[in-house]
């Protein structure tokens, strides 16, 4: 999995890069190695905003794009929340795909078609 990290109003240090890589490593085990993640870290300049550290993540998986947005008072906590949110979306997407394939297989069995996926008898 390839991780692209950008900063807006924030200097992306090696420590932040390491935190992002560590948090997204677990997600990388659940998706294809060709998956791309874009993480944008930013800091709000308005002093009235308490949750001033913002992280946005976009995960490009084959056939679908997952997006999450988190804001907290601490950058490390923001990164952690973002990774959890994207991980939840990945899990939900995987479960949907499994249900679809199981449903198709069962419908084909009920209709008397071979369960190989597509019918080549046309």
PDB file of N, CA and C in Angstrom:
ATOM      1  N   UNK A   1       0.841  -1.167   0.000  1.00  0.00           N
ATOM      2  CA  UNK A   1       0.000   0.000   0.000  1.00  0.00           C
ATOM      3  C   UNK A   1       0.890   1.235   0.000  1.00  0.00           C
ATOM      4  N   UNK A   2       0.542   2.185  -0.851  1.00  0.00           N
ATOM      5  CA  UNK A   2       1.323   3.418  -0.940  1.00  0.00           C
ATOM      6  C   UNK A   2       0.605   4.528  -0.173  1.00  0.00           C
ATOM      7  N   UNK A   3       1.358   5.232   0.671  1.00  0.00           N
ATOM      8  CA  UNK A   3       0.789   6.298   1.487  1.00  0.00           C
ATOM      9  C   UNK A   3       1.403   7.624   1.066  1.00  0.00           C
ATOM     10  N   UNK A   4       0.555   8.561   0.646  1.00  0.00           N
ATOM     11  CA  UNK A   4       0.980   9.915   0.297  1.00  0.00           C
ATOM     12  C   UNK A   4       0.533  10.845   1.417  1.00  0.00           C
ATOM     13  N   UNK A   5       1.483  11.582   2.005  1.00  0.00           N
ATOM     14  CA  UNK A   5       1.173  12.475   3.115  1.00  0.00           C
ATOM     15  C   UNK A   5       1.494  13.902   2.708  1.00  0.00           C
ATOM     16  N   UNK A   6       0.518  14.789   2.887  1.00  0.00           N
ATOM     17  CA  UNK A   6       0.716  16.204   2.607  1.00  0.00           C
ATOM     18  C   UNK A   6       0.316  17.006   3.837  1.00  0.00           C
ATOM     19  N   UNK A   7       0.878  18.202   3.958  1.00  0.00           N
ATOM     20  CA  UNK A   7       0.539  19.066   5.070  1.00  0.00           C
ATOM     21  C   UNK A   7       0.082  20.425   4.585  1.00  0.00           C
ATOM     22  N   UNK A   8      -0.956  20.945   5.206  1.00  0.00           N
ATOM     23  CA  UNK A   8      -1.456  22.290   4.940  1.00  0.00           C
ATOM     24  C   UNK A   8      -1.346  23.063   6.249  1.00  0.00           C
ATOM     25  N   UNK A   9      -0.518  24.099   6.263  1.00  0.00           N
ATOM     26  CA  UNK A   9      -0.246  24.877   7.465  1.00  0.00           C
ATOM     27  C   UNK A   9       0.431  24.045   8.554  1.00  0.00           C
ATOM     28  N   UNK A  10       0.953  22.889   8.187  1.00  0.00           N
ATOM     29  CA  UNK A  10       1.636  22.002   9.123  1.00  0.00           C
ATOM     30  C   UNK A  10       2.873  21.450   8.431  1.00  0.00           C
ATOM     31  N   UNK A  11       3.984  21.436   9.150  1.00  0.00           N
ATOM     32  CA  UNK A  11       5.183  20.798   8.621  1.00  0.00           C
ATOM     33  C   UNK A  11       5.083  19.305   8.902  1.00  0.00           C
ATOM     34  N   UNK A  12       5.191  18.504   7.856  1.00  0.00           N
ATOM     35  CA  UNK A  12       5.087  17.054   8.002  1.00  0.00           C
ATOM     36  C   UNK A  12       6.465  16.528   8.395  1.00  0.00           C
ATOM     37  N   UNK A  13       6.622  16.237   9.678  1.00  0.00           N
ATOM     38  CA  UNK A  13       7.905  15.755  10.195  1.00  0.00           C
ATOM     39  C   UNK A  13       8.002  14.245  10.025  1.00  0.00           C
ATOM     40  N   UNK A  14       9.201  13.726  10.268  1.00  0.00           N
ATOM     41  CA  UNK A  14       9.401  12.278  10.194  1.00  0.00           C
ATOM     42  C   UNK A  14       8.569  11.556  11.246  1.00  0.00           C
ATOM     43  N   UNK A  15       8.375  12.192  12.409  1.00  0.00           N
ATOM     44  CA  UNK A  15       7.568  11.587  13.464  1.00  0.00           C
ATOM     45  C   UNK A  15       6.113  11.436  13.019  1.00  0.00           C
ATOM     46  N   UNK A  16       5.582  12.457  12.357  1.00  0.00           N
ATOM     47  CA  UNK A  16       4.204  12.368  11.854  1.00  0.00           C
ATOM     48  C   UNK A  16       4.085  11.315  10.755  1.00  0.00           C
ATOM     49  N   UNK A  17       5.077  11.259   9.879  1.00  0.00           N
ATOM     50  CA  UNK A  17       5.066  10.237   8.824  1.00  0.00           C
ATOM     51  C   UNK A  17       5.081   8.836   9.432  1.00  0.00           C
ATOM     52  N   UNK A  18       5.879   8.658  10.468  1.00  0.00           N
ATOM     53  CA  UNK A  18       5.968   7.355  11.134  1.00  0.00           C
ATOM     54  C   UNK A  18       4.642   6.993  11.796  1.00  0.00           C
ATOM     55  N   UNK A  19       3.991   7.969  12.442  1.00  0.00           N
ATOM     56  CA  UNK A  19       2.698   7.721  13.076  1.00  0.00           C
ATOM     57  C   UNK A  19       1.647   7.304  12.048  1.00  0.00           C
ATOM     58  N   UNK A  20       1.608   7.999  10.923  1.00  0.00           N
ATOM     59  CA  UNK A  20       0.638   7.662   9.872  1.00  0.00           C
ATOM     60  C   UNK A  20       0.926   6.259   9.326  1.00  0.00           C
ATOM     61  N   UNK A  21       2.183   5.964   9.056  1.00  0.00           N
ATOM     62  CA  UNK A  21       2.544   4.646   8.525  1.00  0.00           C
ATOM     63  C   UNK A  21       2.194   3.541   9.514  1.00  0.00           C
ATOM     64  N   UNK A  22       2.432   3.784  10.777  1.00  0.00           N
ATOM     65  CA  UNK A  22       2.140   2.786  11.805  1.00  0.00           C
ATOM     66  C   UNK A  22       0.633   2.537  11.904  1.00  0.00           C
ATOM     67  N   UNK A  23      -0.154   3.594  11.880  1.00  0.00           N
ATOM     68  CA  UNK A  23      -1.607   3.447  12.013  1.00  0.00           C
ATOM     69  C   UNK A  23      -2.237   2.792  10.784  1.00  0.00           C
ATOM     70  N   UNK A  24      -1.695   3.060   9.609  1.00  0.00           N
ATOM     71  CA  UNK A  24      -2.286   2.522   8.384  1.00  0.00           C
ATOM     72  C   UNK A  24      -1.692   1.172   7.984  1.00  0.00           C
ATOM     73  N   UNK A  25      -0.703   0.681   8.724  1.00  0.00           N
ATOM     74  CA  UNK A  25      -0.090  -0.613   8.405  1.00  0.00           C
ATOM     75  C   UNK A  25      -1.115  -1.742   8.518  1.00  0.00           C
ATOM     76  N   UNK A  26      -1.954  -1.678   9.532  1.00  0.00           N
ATOM     77  CA  UNK A  26      -2.960  -2.720   9.735  1.00  0.00           C
ATOM     78  C   UNK A  26      -3.991  -2.726   8.606  1.00  0.00           C
ATOM     79  N   UNK A  27      -4.348  -1.541   8.139  1.00  0.00           N
ATOM     80  CA  UNK A  27      -5.294  -1.443   7.018  1.00  0.00           C
ATOM     81  C   UNK A  27      -4.656  -2.011   5.758  1.00  0.00           C
ATOM     82  N   UNK A  28      -3.345  -1.795   5.597  1.00  0.00           N
ATOM     83  CA  UNK A  28      -2.634  -2.292   4.432  1.00  0.00           C
ATOM     84  C   UNK A  28      -2.649  -3.805   4.322  1.00  0.00           C
ATOM     85  N   UNK A  29      -2.809  -4.495   5.461  1.00  0.00           N
ATOM     86  CA  UNK A  29      -2.873  -5.954   5.438  1.00  0.00           C
ATOM     87  C   UNK A  29      -4.227  -6.456   4.951  1.00  0.00           C
ATOM     88  N   UNK A  30      -5.246  -5.603   5.000  1.00  0.00           N
ATOM     89  CA  UNK A  30      -6.595  -6.011   4.623  1.00  0.00           C
ATOM     90  C   UNK A  30      -6.949  -5.669   3.183  1.00  0.00           C
ATOM     91  N   UNK A  31      -6.150  -4.845   2.536  1.00  0.00           N
ATOM     92  CA  UNK A  31      -6.462  -4.420   1.175  1.00  0.00           C
ATOM     93  C   UNK A  31      -5.330  -4.825   0.235  1.00  0.00           C
ATOM     94  N   UNK A  32      -5.535  -4.607  -1.034  1.00  0.00           N
ATOM     95  CA  UNK A  32      -4.556  -4.947  -2.057  1.00  0.00           C
ATOM     96  C   UNK A  32      -3.275  -4.115  -1.905  1.00  0.00           C
ATOM     97  N   UNK A  33      -2.137  -4.676  -2.270  1.00  0.00           N
ATOM     98  CA  UNK A  33      -0.894  -3.901  -2.218  1.00  0.00           C
ATOM     99  C   UNK A  33      -0.880  -2.730  -3.209  1.00  0.00           C
ATOM    100  N   UNK A  34      -1.775  -2.726  -4.173  1.00  0.00           N
ATOM    101  CA  UNK A  34      -1.845  -1.653  -5.156  1.00  0.00           C
ATOM    102  C   UNK A  34      -2.677  -0.469  -4.664  1.00  0.00           C
ATOM    103  N   UNK A  35      -3.216  -0.573  -3.474  1.00  0.00           N
ATOM    104  CA  UNK A  35      -4.065   0.474  -2.908  1.00  0.00           C
ATOM    105  C   UNK A  35      -3.252   1.725  -2.606  1.00  0.00           C
ATOM    106  N   UNK A  36      -3.882   2.880  -2.813  1.00  0.00           N
ATOM    107  CA  UNK A  36      -3.217   4.155  -2.537  1.00  0.00           C
ATOM    108  C   UNK A  36      -4.007   4.926  -1.491  1.00  0.00           C
ATOM    109  N   UNK A  37      -3.288   5.486  -0.502  1.00  0.00           N
ATOM    110  CA  UNK A  37      -3.909   6.289   0.544  1.00  0.00           C
ATOM    111  C   UNK A  37      -3.335   7.697   0.468  1.00  0.00           C
ATOM    112  N   UNK A  38      -4.201   8.675   0.471  1.00  0.00           N
ATOM    113  CA  UNK A  38      -3.777  10.070   0.518  1.00  0.00           C
ATOM    114  C   UNK A  38      -4.211  10.641   1.857  1.00  0.00           C
ATOM    115  N   UNK A  39      -3.242  11.134   2.642  1.00  0.00           N
ATOM    116  CA  UNK A  39      -3.533  11.725   3.942  1.00  0.00           C
ATOM    117  C   UNK A  39      -3.125  13.193   3.892  1.00  0.00           C
ATOM    118  N   UNK A  40      -4.060  14.070   4.262  1.00  0.00           N
ATOM    119  CA  UNK A  40      -3.791  15.505   4.305  1.00  0.00           C
ATOM    120  C   UNK A  40      -3.928  15.959   5.754  1.00  0.00           C
ATOM    121  N   UNK A  41      -2.826  16.453   6.317  1.00  0.00           N
ATOM    122  CA  UNK A  41      -2.817  16.964   7.682  1.00  0.00           C
ATOM    123  C   UNK A  41      -2.843  18.477   7.626  1.00  0.00           C
ATOM    124  N   UNK A  42      -3.690  19.098   8.447  1.00  0.00           N
ATOM    125  CA  UNK A  42      -3.757  20.552   8.438  1.00  0.00           C
ATOM    126  C   UNK A  42      -4.047  21.069   9.840  1.00  0.00           C
ATOM    127  N   UNK A  43      -3.831  22.362   9.998  1.00  0.00           N
ATOM    128  CA  UNK A  43      -4.086  23.022  11.273  1.00  0.00           C
ATOM    129  C   UNK A  43      -4.925  24.260  11.005  1.00  0.00           C
ATOM    130  N   UNK A  44      -6.032  24.371  11.726  1.00  0.00           N
ATOM    131  CA  UNK A  44      -6.906  25.540  11.586  1.00  0.00           C
ATOM    132  C   UNK A  44      -6.238  26.729  12.266  1.00  0.00           C
ATOM    133  N   UNK A  45      -6.282  27.889  11.622  1.00  0.00           N
ATOM    134  CA  UNK A  45      -5.628  29.082  12.142  1.00  0.00           C
ATOM    135  C   UNK A  45      -6.533  29.897  13.062  1.00  0.00           C
ATOM    136  N   UNK A  46      -7.828  29.600  13.083  1.00  0.00           N
ATOM    137  CA  UNK A  46      -8.780  30.350  13.893  1.00  0.00           C
ATOM    138  C   UNK A  46      -8.650  29.932  15.366  1.00  0.00           C
ATOM    139  N   UNK A  47      -8.329  30.844  16.273  1.00  0.00           N
ATOM    140  CA  UNK A  47      -8.164  30.461  17.685  1.00  0.00           C
ATOM    141  C   UNK A  47      -9.472  30.074  18.370  1.00  0.00           C
ATOM    142  N   UNK A  48     -10.609  30.378  17.783  1.00  0.00           N
ATOM    143  CA  UNK A  48     -11.897  30.006  18.364  1.00  0.00           C
ATOM    144  C   UNK A  48     -12.233  28.532  18.153  1.00  0.00           C
ATOM    145  N   UNK A  49     -11.545  27.878  17.256  1.00  0.00           N
ATOM    146  CA  UNK A  49     -11.808  26.476  16.968  1.00  0.00           C
ATOM    147  C   UNK A  49     -10.973  25.627  17.921  1.00  0.00           C
ATOM    148  N   UNK A  50     -11.624  24.803  18.740  1.00  0.00           N
ATOM    149  CA  UNK A  50     -10.881  23.983  19.705  1.00  0.00           C
ATOM    150  C   UNK A  50     -10.249  22.769  19.044  1.00  0.00           C
ATOM    151  N   UNK A  51     -10.944  22.151  18.097  1.00  0.00           N
ATOM    152  CA  UNK A  51     -10.396  21.000  17.382  1.00  0.00           C
ATOM    153  C   UNK A  51      -9.626  21.515  16.174  1.00  0.00           C
ATOM    154  N   UNK A  52      -8.419  22.009  16.436  1.00  0.00           N
ATOM    155  CA  UNK A  52      -7.712  22.717  15.366  1.00  0.00           C
ATOM    156  C   UNK A  52      -6.866  21.824  14.473  1.00  0.00           C
ATOM    157  N   UNK A  53      -6.584  20.598  14.892  1.00  0.00           N
ATOM    158  CA  UNK A  53      -5.801  19.701  14.042  1.00  0.00           C
ATOM    159  C   UNK A  53      -6.756  18.813  13.251  1.00  0.00           C
ATOM    160  N   UNK A  54      -6.618  18.862  11.932  1.00  0.00           N
ATOM    161  CA  UNK A  54      -7.543  18.170  11.033  1.00  0.00           C
ATOM    162  C   UNK A  54      -6.753  17.185  10.179  1.00  0.00           C
ATOM    163  N   UNK A  55      -7.326  16.008  10.000  1.00  0.00           N
ATOM    164  CA  UNK A  55      -6.732  15.002   9.113  1.00  0.00           C
ATOM    165  C   UNK A  55      -7.828  14.477   8.190  1.00  0.00           C
ATOM    166  N   UNK A  56      -7.509  14.419   6.911  1.00  0.00           N
ATOM    167  CA  UNK A  56      -8.419  13.871   5.910  1.00  0.00           C
ATOM    168  C   UNK A  56      -7.713  12.724   5.220  1.00  0.00           C
ATOM    169  N   UNK A  57      -8.428  11.640   5.026  1.00  0.00           N
ATOM    170  CA  UNK A  57      -7.848  10.484   4.369  1.00  0.00           C
ATOM    171  C   UNK A  57      -8.728   9.994   3.248  1.00  0.00           C
ATOM    172  N   UNK A  58      -8.100   9.641   2.134  1.00  0.00           N
ATOM    173  CA  UNK A  58      -8.813   9.082   0.990  1.00  0.00           C
ATOM    174  C   UNK A  58      -8.117   7.795   0.598  1.00  0.00           C
ATOM    175  N   UNK A  59      -8.864   6.705   0.617  1.00  0.00           N
ATOM    176  CA  UNK A  59      -8.334   5.381   0.286  1.00  0.00           C
ATOM    177  C   UNK A  59      -8.903   4.967  -1.058  1.00  0.00           C
ATOM    178  N   UNK A  60      -8.030   4.763  -2.031  1.00  0.00           N
ATOM    179  CA  UNK A  60      -8.448   4.371  -3.374  1.00  0.00           C
ATOM    180  C   UNK A  60      -8.271   2.859  -3.509  1.00  0.00           C
ATOM    181  N   UNK A  61      -9.381   2.137  -3.407  1.00  0.00           N
ATOM    182  CA  UNK A  61      -9.393   0.686  -3.554  1.00  0.00           C
ATOM    183  C   UNK A  61     -10.016   0.390  -4.907  1.00  0.00           C
ATOM    184  N   UNK A  62      -9.732  -0.767  -5.446  1.00  0.00           N
ATOM    185  CA  UNK A  62     -10.268  -1.137  -6.747  1.00  0.00           C
ATOM    186  C   UNK A  62     -11.797  -1.064  -6.723  1.00  0.00           C
ATOM    187  N   UNK A  63     -12.339  -0.136  -7.497  1.00  0.00           N
ATOM    188  CA  UNK A  63     -13.780  -0.030  -7.631  1.00  0.00           C
ATOM    189  C   UNK A  63     -14.458   0.914  -6.662  1.00  0.00           C
ATOM    190  N   UNK A  64     -13.758   1.391  -5.639  1.00  0.00           N
ATOM    191  CA  UNK A  64     -14.401   2.258  -4.655  1.00  0.00           C
ATOM    192  C   UNK A  64     -13.366   3.204  -4.044  1.00  0.00           C
ATOM    193  N   UNK A  65     -13.846   4.375  -3.632  1.00  0.00           N
ATOM    194  CA  UNK A  65     -12.995   5.349  -2.953  1.00  0.00           C
ATOM    195  C   UNK A  65     -13.613   5.629  -1.589  1.00  0.00           C
ATOM    196  N   UNK A  66     -12.842   5.420  -0.535  1.00  0.00           N
ATOM    197  CA  UNK A  66     -13.311   5.660   0.825  1.00  0.00           C
ATOM    198  C   UNK A  66     -12.677   6.946   1.333  1.00  0.00           C
ATOM    199  N   UNK A  67     -13.468   7.772   2.014  1.00  0.00           N
ATOM    200  CA  UNK A  67     -12.974   9.058   2.483  1.00  0.00           C
ATOM    201  C   UNK A  67     -13.378   9.258   3.944  1.00  0.00           C
ATOM    202  N   UNK A  68     -12.468   9.848   4.736  1.00  0.00           N
ATOM    203  CA  UNK A  68     -12.768  10.143   6.135  1.00  0.00           C
ATOM    204  C   UNK A  68     -12.169  11.493   6.500  1.00  0.00           C
ATOM    205  N   UNK A  69     -12.781  12.135   7.498  1.00  0.00           N
ATOM    206  CA  UNK A  69     -12.356  13.459   7.941  1.00  0.00           C
ATOM    207  C   UNK A  69     -12.458  13.480   9.465  1.00  0.00           C
ATOM    208  N   UNK A  70     -11.380  13.852  10.146  1.00  0.00           N
ATOM    209  CA  UNK A  70     -11.381  13.909  11.610  1.00  0.00           C
ATOM    210  C   UNK A  70     -10.721  15.196  12.074  1.00  0.00           C
ATOM    211  N   UNK A  71     -11.158  15.703  13.237  1.00  0.00           N
ATOM    212  CA  UNK A  71     -10.567  16.901  13.833  1.00  0.00           C
ATOM    213  C   UNK A  71     -10.560  16.744  15.352  1.00  0.00           C
ATOM    214  N   UNK A  72      -9.409  16.964  15.984  1.00  0.00           N
ATOM    215  CA  UNK A  72      -9.261  16.896  17.438  1.00  0.00           C
ATOM    216  C   UNK A  72      -8.239  17.936  17.880  1.00  0.00           C
ATOM    217  N   UNK A  73      -8.099  18.147  19.191  1.00  0.00           N
ATOM    218  CA  UNK A  73      -7.120  19.123  19.681  1.00  0.00           C
ATOM    219  C   UNK A  73      -5.659  18.679  19.548  1.00  0.00           C
ATOM    220  N   UNK A  74      -5.390  17.377  19.336  1.00  0.00           N
ATOM    221  CA  UNK A  74      -4.023  16.871  19.212  1.00  0.00           C
ATOM    222  C   UNK A  74      -3.852  16.138  17.886  1.00  0.00           C
ATOM    223  N   UNK A  75      -2.717  16.354  17.217  1.00  0.00           N
ATOM    224  CA  UNK A  75      -2.486  15.766  15.895  1.00  0.00           C
ATOM    225  C   UNK A  75      -2.393  14.237  15.946  1.00  0.00           C
ATOM    226  N   UNK A  76      -1.700  13.694  16.948  1.00  0.00           N
ATOM    227  CA  UNK A  76      -1.537  12.236  17.044  1.00  0.00           C
ATOM    228  C   UNK A  76      -2.904  11.575  17.223  1.00  0.00           C
ATOM    229  N   UNK A  77      -3.731  12.159  18.057  1.00  0.00           N
ATOM    230  CA  UNK A  77      -5.074  11.614  18.278  1.00  0.00           C
ATOM    231  C   UNK A  77      -5.919  11.712  17.006  1.00  0.00           C
ATOM    232  N   UNK A  78      -5.739  12.780  16.255  1.00  0.00           N
ATOM    233  CA  UNK A  78      -6.464  12.955  14.995  1.00  0.00           C
ATOM    234  C   UNK A  78      -6.096  11.855  14.003  1.00  0.00           C
ATOM    235  N   UNK A  79      -4.796  11.564  13.910  1.00  0.00           N
ATOM    236  CA  UNK A  79      -4.330  10.506  13.009  1.00  0.00           C
ATOM    237  C   UNK A  79      -4.913   9.161  13.429  1.00  0.00           C
ATOM    238  N   UNK A  80      -4.922   8.897  14.735  1.00  0.00           N
ATOM    239  CA  UNK A  80      -5.471   7.647  15.258  1.00  0.00           C
ATOM    240  C   UNK A  80      -6.957   7.507  14.915  1.00  0.00           C
ATOM    241  N   UNK A  81      -7.732   8.569  15.135  1.00  0.00           N
ATOM    242  CA  UNK A  81      -9.167   8.547  14.827  1.00  0.00           C
ATOM    243  C   UNK A  81      -9.416   8.361  13.328  1.00  0.00           C
ATOM    244  N   UNK A  82      -8.598   8.993  12.507  1.00  0.00           N
ATOM    245  CA  UNK A  82      -8.740   8.860  11.059  1.00  0.00           C
ATOM    246  C   UNK A  82      -8.505   7.419  10.628  1.00  0.00           C
ATOM    247  N   UNK A  83      -7.463   6.806  11.146  1.00  0.00           N
ATOM    248  CA  UNK A  83      -7.151   5.413  10.786  1.00  0.00           C
ATOM    249  C   UNK A  83      -8.275   4.472  11.224  1.00  0.00           C
ATOM    250  N   UNK A  84      -8.830   4.696  12.407  1.00  0.00           N
ATOM    251  CA  UNK A  84      -9.936   3.851  12.871  1.00  0.00           C
ATOM    252  C   UNK A  84     -11.163   3.999  11.974  1.00  0.00           C
ATOM    253  N   UNK A  85     -11.452   5.229  11.562  1.00  0.00           N
ATOM    254  CA  UNK A  85     -12.605   5.478  10.705  1.00  0.00           C
ATOM    255  C   UNK A  85     -12.436   4.793   9.354  1.00  0.00           C
ATOM    256  N   UNK A  86     -11.267   4.907   8.763  1.00  0.00           N
ATOM    257  CA  UNK A  86     -11.035   4.258   7.460  1.00  0.00           C
ATOM    258  C   UNK A  86     -11.043   2.737   7.614  1.00  0.00           C
ATOM    259  N   UNK A  87     -10.498   2.247   8.708  1.00  0.00           N
ATOM    260  CA  UNK A  87     -10.512   0.799   8.934  1.00  0.00           C
ATOM    261  C   UNK A  87     -11.953   0.279   9.045  1.00  0.00           C
ATOM    262  N   UNK A  88     -12.812   1.029   9.703  1.00  0.00           N
ATOM    263  CA  UNK A  88     -14.224   0.660   9.821  1.00  0.00           C
ATOM    264  C   UNK A  88     -14.874   0.618   8.439  1.00  0.00           C
ATOM    265  N   UNK A  89     -14.556   1.587   7.585  1.00  0.00           N
ATOM    266  CA  UNK A  89     -15.122   1.613   6.240  1.00  0.00           C
ATOM    267  C   UNK A  89     -14.616   0.458   5.395  1.00  0.00           C
ATOM    268  N   UNK A  90     -13.335   0.113   5.537  1.00  0.00           N
ATOM    269  CA  UNK A  90     -12.766  -1.019   4.786  1.00  0.00           C
ATOM    270  C   UNK A  90     -13.463  -2.309   5.193  1.00  0.00           C
ATOM    271  N   UNK A  91     -13.658  -2.484   6.483  1.00  0.00           N
ATOM    272  CA  UNK A  91     -14.321  -3.697   6.975  1.00  0.00           C
ATOM    273  C   UNK A  91     -15.743  -3.794   6.425  1.00  0.00           C
ATOM    274  N   UNK A  92     -16.467  -2.681   6.445  1.00  0.00           N
ATOM    275  CA  UNK A  92     -17.837  -2.664   5.939  1.00  0.00           C
ATOM    276  C   UNK A  92     -17.871  -2.971   4.443  1.00  0.00           C
ATOM    277  N   UNK A  93     -16.917  -2.411   3.696  1.00  0.00           N
ATOM    278  CA  UNK A  93     -16.848  -2.661   2.253  1.00  0.00           C
ATOM    279  C   UNK A  93     -16.565  -4.140   1.969  1.00  0.00           C
ATOM    280  N   UNK A  94     -15.649  -4.732   2.716  1.00  0.00           N
ATOM    281  CA  UNK A  94     -15.317  -6.149   2.515  1.00  0.00           C
ATOM    282  C   UNK A  94     -16.524  -7.036   2.812  1.00  0.00           C
ATOM    283  N   UNK A  95     -17.256  -6.714   3.891  1.00  0.00           N
ATOM    284  CA  UNK A  95     -18.437  -7.509   4.234  1.00  0.00           C
ATOM    285  C   UNK A  95     -19.512  -7.405   3.152  1.00  0.00           C
ATOM    286  N   UNK A  96     -19.700  -6.218   2.585  1.00  0.00           N
ATOM    287  CA  UNK A  96     -20.664  -6.042   1.499  1.00  0.00           C
ATOM    288  C   UNK A  96     -20.291  -6.899   0.294  1.00  0.00           C
ATOM    289  N   UNK A  97     -19.002  -6.880  -0.058  1.00  0.00           N
ATOM    290  CA  UNK A  97     -18.562  -7.673  -1.213  1.00  0.00           C
ATOM    291  C   UNK A  97     -18.778  -9.154  -0.973  1.00  0.00           C
ATOM    292  N   UNK A  98     -18.494  -9.617   0.239  1.00  0.00           N
ATOM    293  CA  UNK A  98     -18.705 -11.036   0.561  1.00  0.00           C
ATOM    294  C   UNK A  98     -20.183 -11.408   0.459  1.00  0.00           C
ATOM    295  N   UNK A  99     -21.045 -10.564   0.993  1.00  0.00           N
ATOM    296  CA  UNK A  99     -22.479 -10.848   0.945  1.00  0.00           C
ATOM    297  C   UNK A  99     -22.972 -10.908  -0.496  1.00  0.00           C
ATOM    298  N   UNK A 100     -22.493  -9.996  -1.333  1.00  0.00           N
ATOM    299  CA  UNK A 100     -22.908  -9.997  -2.738  1.00  0.00           C
ATOM    300  C   UNK A 100     -22.512 -11.300  -3.423  1.00  0.00           C
ATOM    301  N   UNK A 101     -21.282 -11.744  -3.224  1.00  0.00           N
ATOM    302  CA  UNK A 101     -20.836 -12.965  -3.904  1.00  0.00           C
ATOM    303  C   UNK A 101     -21.576 -14.181  -3.369  1.00  0.00           C
ATOM    304  N   UNK A 102     -21.854 -14.222  -2.062  1.00  0.00           N
ATOM    305  CA  UNK A 102     -22.615 -15.342  -1.506  1.00  0.00           C
ATOM    306  C   UNK A 102     -24.038 -15.347  -2.051  1.00  0.00           C
ATOM    307  N   UNK A 103     -24.657 -14.178  -2.143  1.00  0.00           N
ATOM    308  CA  UNK A 103     -26.023 -14.078  -2.650  1.00  0.00           C
ATOM    309  C   UNK A 103     -26.087 -14.514  -4.105  1.00  0.00           C
ATOM    310  N   UNK A 104     -25.135 -14.061  -4.918  1.00  0.00           N
ATOM    311  CA  UNK A 104     -25.114 -14.470  -6.331  1.00  0.00           C
ATOM    312  C   UNK A 104     -24.968 -15.979  -6.464  1.00  0.00           C
ATOM    313  N   UNK A 105     -24.088 -16.566  -5.654  1.00  0.00           N
ATOM    314  CA  UNK A 105     -23.859 -18.011  -5.710  1.00  0.00           C
ATOM    315  C   UNK A 105     -25.136 -18.765  -5.334  1.00  0.00           C
ATOM    316  N   UNK A 106     -25.826 -18.320  -4.283  1.00  0.00           N
ATOM    317  CA  UNK A 106     -27.052 -18.985  -3.860  1.00  0.00           C
ATOM    318  C   UNK A 106     -28.163 -18.838  -4.891  1.00  0.00           C
ATOM    319  N   UNK A 107     -28.300 -17.663  -5.492  1.00  0.00           N
ATOM    320  CA  UNK A 107     -29.330 -17.450  -6.518  1.00  0.00           C
ATOM    321  C   UNK A 107     -29.052 -18.339  -7.722  1.00  0.00           C
ATOM    322  N   UNK A 108     -27.792 -18.435  -8.119  1.00  0.00           N
ATOM    323  CA  UNK A 108     -27.443 -19.297  -9.262  1.00  0.00           C
ATOM    324  C   UNK A 108     -27.731 -20.758  -8.955  1.00  0.00           C
ATOM    325  N   UNK A 109     -27.492 -21.186  -7.731  1.00  0.00           N
ATOM    326  CA  UNK A 109     -27.794 -22.569  -7.366  1.00  0.00           C
ATOM    327  C   UNK A 109     -29.294 -22.824  -7.403  1.00  0.00           C
ATOM    328  N   UNK A 110     -30.073 -21.857  -6.930  1.00  0.00           N
ATOM    329  CA  UNK A 110     -31.527 -22.016  -6.932  1.00  0.00           C
ATOM    330  C   UNK A 110     -32.079 -22.042  -8.353  1.00  0.00           C
ATOM    331  N   UNK A 111     -31.444 -21.331  -9.269  1.00  0.00           N
ATOM    332  CA  UNK A 111     -31.914 -21.296 -10.653  1.00  0.00           C
ATOM    333  C   UNK A 111     -31.324 -22.430 -11.485  1.00  0.00           C
ATOM    334  N   UNK A 112     -30.495 -23.257 -10.879  1.00  0.00           N
ATOM    335  CA  UNK A 112     -29.946 -24.409 -11.581  1.00  0.00           C
ATOM    336  C   UNK A 112     -28.758 -24.093 -12.464  1.00  0.00           C
ATOM    337  N   UNK A 113     -28.142 -22.948 -12.273  1.00  0.00           N
ATOM    338  CA  UNK A 113     -26.952 -22.589 -13.049  1.00  0.00           C
ATOM    339  C   UNK A 113     -25.713 -23.109 -12.343  1.00  0.00           C
ATOM    340  N   UNK A 114     -24.639 -23.320 -13.100  1.00  0.00           N
ATOM    341  CA  UNK A 114     -23.403 -23.704 -12.436  1.00  0.00           C
ATOM    342  C   UNK A 114     -22.896 -22.547 -11.573  1.00  0.00           C
ATOM    343  N   UNK A 115     -22.236 -22.864 -10.468  1.00  0.00           N
ATOM    344  CA  UNK A 115     -21.786 -21.833  -9.524  1.00  0.00           C
ATOM    345  C   UNK A 115     -20.415 -21.288  -9.878  1.00  0.00           C
ATOM    346  N   UNK A 116     -19.999 -21.398 -11.121  1.00  0.00           N
ATOM    347  CA  UNK A 116     -18.702 -20.920 -11.559  1.00  0.00           C
ATOM    348  C   UNK A 116     -18.645 -19.413 -11.750  1.00  0.00           C
ATOM    349  N   UNK A 117     -19.743 -18.704 -11.676  1.00  0.00           N
ATOM    350  CA  UNK A 117     -19.725 -17.265 -11.813  1.00  0.00           C
ATOM    351  C   UNK A 117     -20.477 -16.801 -13.051  1.00  0.00           C
ATOM    352  N   UNK A 118     -19.978 -17.077 -14.247  1.00  0.00           N
ATOM    353  CA  UNK A 118     -20.642 -16.628 -15.458  1.00  0.00           C
ATOM    354  C   UNK A 118     -21.026 -17.820 -16.307  1.00  0.00           C
ATOM    355  N   UNK A 119     -22.056 -17.658 -17.090  1.00  0.00           N
ATOM    356  CA  UNK A 119     -22.490 -18.750 -17.956  1.00  0.00           C
ATOM    357  C   UNK A 119     -21.850 -18.584 -19.330  1.00  0.00           C
ATOM    358  N   UNK A 120     -21.111 -19.608 -19.769  1.00  0.00           N
ATOM    359  CA  UNK A 120     -20.411 -19.546 -21.049  1.00  0.00           C
ATOM    360  C   UNK A 120     -21.151 -20.338 -22.114  1.00  0.00           C
ATOM    361  N   UNK A 121     -22.422 -20.729 -21.848  1.00  0.00           N
ATOM    362  CA  UNK A 121     -23.157 -21.565 -22.794  1.00  0.00           C
ATOM    363  C   UNK A 121     -23.892 -20.753 -23.857  1.00  0.00           C
ATOM    364  N   UNK A 122     -23.748 -19.454 -23.836  1.00  0.00           N
ATOM    365  CA  UNK A 122     -24.455 -18.621 -24.809  1.00  0.00           C
ATOM    366  C   UNK A 122     -23.783 -18.690 -26.097  1.00  0.00           C
TER     367      UNK A 122
END
